[in-house]
Amino acid sequence: MILQDTRITEFTSGISQPHLPDGVLVRMRDVVKNYPTPDGDFCALKGISADFARGRFNGIIGKSGAGKSTLVNMITGVDYLTSGEIWVGDTPVHELDEDRMAL
């Protein structure tokens, strides 16, 4: 997967995890993040979809400004999506309000 010249690389941890439906811990669907600028919106993430499996390490590699930190901020709820969905386990991060994000 490429995030504006950013690659997500998956590494196997070797840790055995209980079998969960399809083994996915983080699911992203059509994630978009735009930042307003005086010249118009800057698109930091454009339609990103990915699944991150339990028991795996994932590396995000890319040049400065490619969207690596923005992606992590979206997954962890530090920042809000412009559109799309992010699920961590059974939690819809994209639907959390500020009070629930702080927990």
C-alpha atoms as a PDB file:
ATOM      1  CA  MET A   1       0.000   0.000   0.000  1.00  0.00           C
ATOM      2  CA  ILE A   2       1.296   3.479  -0.768  1.00  0.00           C
ATOM      3  CA  LEU A   3       0.408   6.627   1.195  1.00  0.00           C
ATOM      4  CA  GLN A   4       1.768   9.325  -1.055  1.00  0.00           C
ATOM      5  CA  ASP A   5       5.130   7.556  -1.446  1.00  0.00           C
ATOM      6  CA  THR A   6       4.845   5.874   1.976  1.00  0.00           C
ATOM      7  CA  ARG A   7       5.075   2.093   2.305  1.00  0.00           C
ATOM      8  CA  ILE A   8       3.600  -0.026   5.068  1.00  0.00           C
ATOM      9  CA  THR A   9       5.799  -3.046   5.672  1.00  0.00           C
ATOM     10  CA  GLU A  10       4.558  -5.996   7.701  1.00  0.00           C
ATOM     11  CA  PHE A  11       6.751  -8.083  10.019  1.00  0.00           C
ATOM     12  CA  THR A  12       5.636 -11.294  11.728  1.00  0.00           C
ATOM     13  CA  SER A  13       6.052 -11.170  15.505  1.00  0.00           C
ATOM     14  CA  GLY A  14       5.842 -14.910  16.035  1.00  0.00           C
ATOM     15  CA  ILE A  15       3.422 -14.371  18.948  1.00  0.00           C
ATOM     16  CA  SER A  16       0.461 -16.734  18.960  1.00  0.00           C
ATOM     17  CA  GLN A  17      -2.859 -14.910  19.286  1.00  0.00           C
ATOM     18  CA  PRO A  18      -6.323 -16.308  19.947  1.00  0.00           C
ATOM     19  CA  HIS A  19      -8.247 -16.840  16.724  1.00  0.00           C
ATOM     20  CA  LEU A  20     -10.547 -13.875  16.102  1.00  0.00           C
ATOM     21  CA  PRO A  21     -12.801 -13.352  13.129  1.00  0.00           C
ATOM     22  CA  ASP A  22     -10.328 -12.776  10.294  1.00  0.00           C
ATOM     23  CA  GLY A  23      -7.618 -11.848  12.860  1.00  0.00           C
ATOM     24  CA  VAL A  24      -7.825  -8.118  12.204  1.00  0.00           C
ATOM     25  CA  LEU A  25      -7.012  -5.690  15.039  1.00  0.00           C
ATOM     26  CA  VAL A  26      -7.138  -2.396  13.077  1.00  0.00           C
ATOM     27  CA  ARG A  27      -9.301  -1.854  10.007  1.00  0.00           C
ATOM     28  CA  MET A  28      -9.200   1.316   7.906  1.00  0.00           C
ATOM     29  CA  ARG A  29     -11.631   1.974   5.081  1.00  0.00           C
ATOM     30  CA  ASP A  30     -11.435   4.879   2.621  1.00  0.00           C
ATOM     31  CA  VAL A  31      -9.598   7.116   5.118  1.00  0.00           C
ATOM     32  CA  VAL A  32      -9.198  10.722   3.991  1.00  0.00           C
ATOM     33  CA  LYS A  33      -7.538  13.547   5.915  1.00  0.00           C
ATOM     34  CA  ASN A  34      -7.520  17.062   4.495  1.00  0.00           C
ATOM     35  CA  TYR A  35      -5.977  20.094   6.171  1.00  0.00           C
ATOM     36  CA  PRO A  36      -7.339  23.537   5.262  1.00  0.00           C
ATOM     37  CA  THR A  37      -4.772  26.006   3.911  1.00  0.00           C
ATOM     38  CA  PRO A  38      -5.141  29.521   2.464  1.00  0.00           C
ATOM     39  CA  ASP A  39      -4.639  27.982  -1.007  1.00  0.00           C
ATOM     40  CA  GLY A  40      -7.282  25.281  -0.459  1.00  0.00           C
ATOM     41  CA  ASP A  41      -7.344  21.881   1.190  1.00  0.00           C
ATOM     42  CA  PHE A  42      -4.124  19.857   1.442  1.00  0.00           C
ATOM     43  CA  CYS A  43      -4.831  16.118   1.175  1.00  0.00           C
ATOM     44  CA  ALA A  44      -2.532  14.252   3.585  1.00  0.00           C
ATOM     45  CA  LEU A  45      -4.312  10.873   3.252  1.00  0.00           C
ATOM     46  CA  LYS A  46      -6.380   9.981   0.217  1.00  0.00           C
ATOM     47  CA  GLY A  47      -8.707   6.966   0.345  1.00  0.00           C
ATOM     48  CA  ILE A  48      -6.492   4.672   2.428  1.00  0.00           C
ATOM     49  CA  SER A  49      -7.827   1.187   3.169  1.00  0.00           C
ATOM     50  CA  ALA A  50      -5.818  -1.381   5.113  1.00  0.00           C
ATOM     51  CA  ASP A  51      -6.119  -4.160   7.678  1.00  0.00           C
ATOM     52  CA  PHE A  52      -3.541  -4.679  10.422  1.00  0.00           C
ATOM     53  CA  ALA A  53      -3.549  -8.195  11.856  1.00  0.00           C
ATOM     54  CA  ARG A  54      -3.093  -9.224  15.476  1.00  0.00           C
ATOM     55  CA  GLY A  55       0.364 -10.555  16.306  1.00  0.00           C
ATOM     56  CA  ARG A  56       2.123  -8.619  13.551  1.00  0.00           C
ATOM     57  CA  PHE A  57       4.404  -5.608  13.586  1.00  0.00           C
ATOM     58  CA  ASN A  58       3.884  -3.053  10.831  1.00  0.00           C
ATOM     59  CA  GLY A  59       6.382  -0.430   9.759  1.00  0.00           C
ATOM     60  CA  ILE A  60       5.395   2.758   7.960  1.00  0.00           C
ATOM     61  CA  ILE A  61       8.192   3.992   5.736  1.00  0.00           C
ATOM     62  CA  GLY A  62       8.262   7.154   3.657  1.00  0.00           C
ATOM     63  CA  LYS A  63       9.796  10.530   3.076  1.00  0.00           C
ATOM     64  CA  SER A  64       9.038  13.621   5.131  1.00  0.00           C
ATOM     65  CA  GLY A  65       5.509  14.869   4.536  1.00  0.00           C
ATOM     66  CA  ALA A  66       4.257  11.577   3.080  1.00  0.00           C
ATOM     67  CA  GLY A  67       1.542  11.045   5.728  1.00  0.00           C
ATOM     68  CA  LYS A  68       3.182   8.611   8.181  1.00  0.00           C
ATOM     69  CA  SER A  69       2.444  10.582  11.358  1.00  0.00           C
ATOM     70  CA  THR A  70      -0.970  11.591  10.064  1.00  0.00           C
ATOM     71  CA  LEU A  71      -1.862   7.921   9.580  1.00  0.00           C
ATOM     72  CA  VAL A  72      -0.780   7.011  13.126  1.00  0.00           C
ATOM     73  CA  ASN A  73      -2.666  10.041  14.512  1.00  0.00           C
ATOM     74  CA  MET A  74      -5.840   8.865  12.755  1.00  0.00           C
ATOM     75  CA  ILE A  75      -5.533   5.301  14.108  1.00  0.00           C
ATOM     76  CA  THR A  76      -4.867   6.460  17.680  1.00  0.00           C
ATOM     77  CA  GLY A  77      -7.565   9.135  17.676  1.00  0.00           C
ATOM     78  CA  VAL A  78      -5.151  12.028  18.177  1.00  0.00           C
ATOM     79  CA  ASP A  79      -6.715  13.737  15.152  1.00  0.00           C
ATOM     80  CA  TYR A  80     -10.046  13.437  13.358  1.00  0.00           C
ATOM     81  CA  LEU A  81     -10.676  11.978   9.917  1.00  0.00           C
ATOM     82  CA  THR A  82     -12.118  14.077   7.133  1.00  0.00           C
ATOM     83  CA  SER A  83     -13.968  10.958   5.964  1.00  0.00           C
ATOM     84  CA  GLY A  84     -13.750   7.183   6.128  1.00  0.00           C
ATOM     85  CA  GLU A  85     -13.734   4.652   8.943  1.00  0.00           C
ATOM     86  CA  ILE A  86     -11.170   3.341  11.407  1.00  0.00           C
ATOM     87  CA  TRP A  87     -11.934   0.436  13.730  1.00  0.00           C
ATOM     88  CA  VAL A  88      -9.593  -0.693  16.522  1.00  0.00           C
ATOM     89  CA  GLY A  89     -11.015  -3.973  17.759  1.00  0.00           C
ATOM     90  CA  ASP A  90     -14.729  -3.310  18.203  1.00  0.00           C
ATOM     91  CA  THR A  91     -14.239   0.444  18.690  1.00  0.00           C
ATOM     92  CA  PRO A  92     -15.212   2.757  15.824  1.00  0.00           C
ATOM     93  CA  VAL A  93     -12.517   5.415  16.313  1.00  0.00           C
ATOM     94  CA  HIS A  94     -14.127   7.559  13.597  1.00  0.00           C
ATOM     95  CA  GLU A  95     -17.296   7.898  15.729  1.00  0.00           C
ATOM     96  CA  LEU A  96     -15.677   8.786  19.072  1.00  0.00           C
ATOM     97  CA  ASP A  97     -16.272  12.242  20.510  1.00  0.00           C
ATOM     98  CA  GLU A  98     -13.488  14.179  22.240  1.00  0.00           C
ATOM     99  CA  ASP A  99     -14.413  12.902  25.734  1.00  0.00           C
ATOM    100  CA  ARG A 100     -14.391   9.233  24.646  1.00  0.00           C
ATOM    101  CA  MET A 101     -11.125   9.695  22.717  1.00  0.00           C
ATOM    102  CA  ALA A 102      -9.445  10.897  25.916  1.00  0.00           C
ATOM    103  CA  LEU A 103     -10.132   7.606  27.720  1.00  0.00           C
END
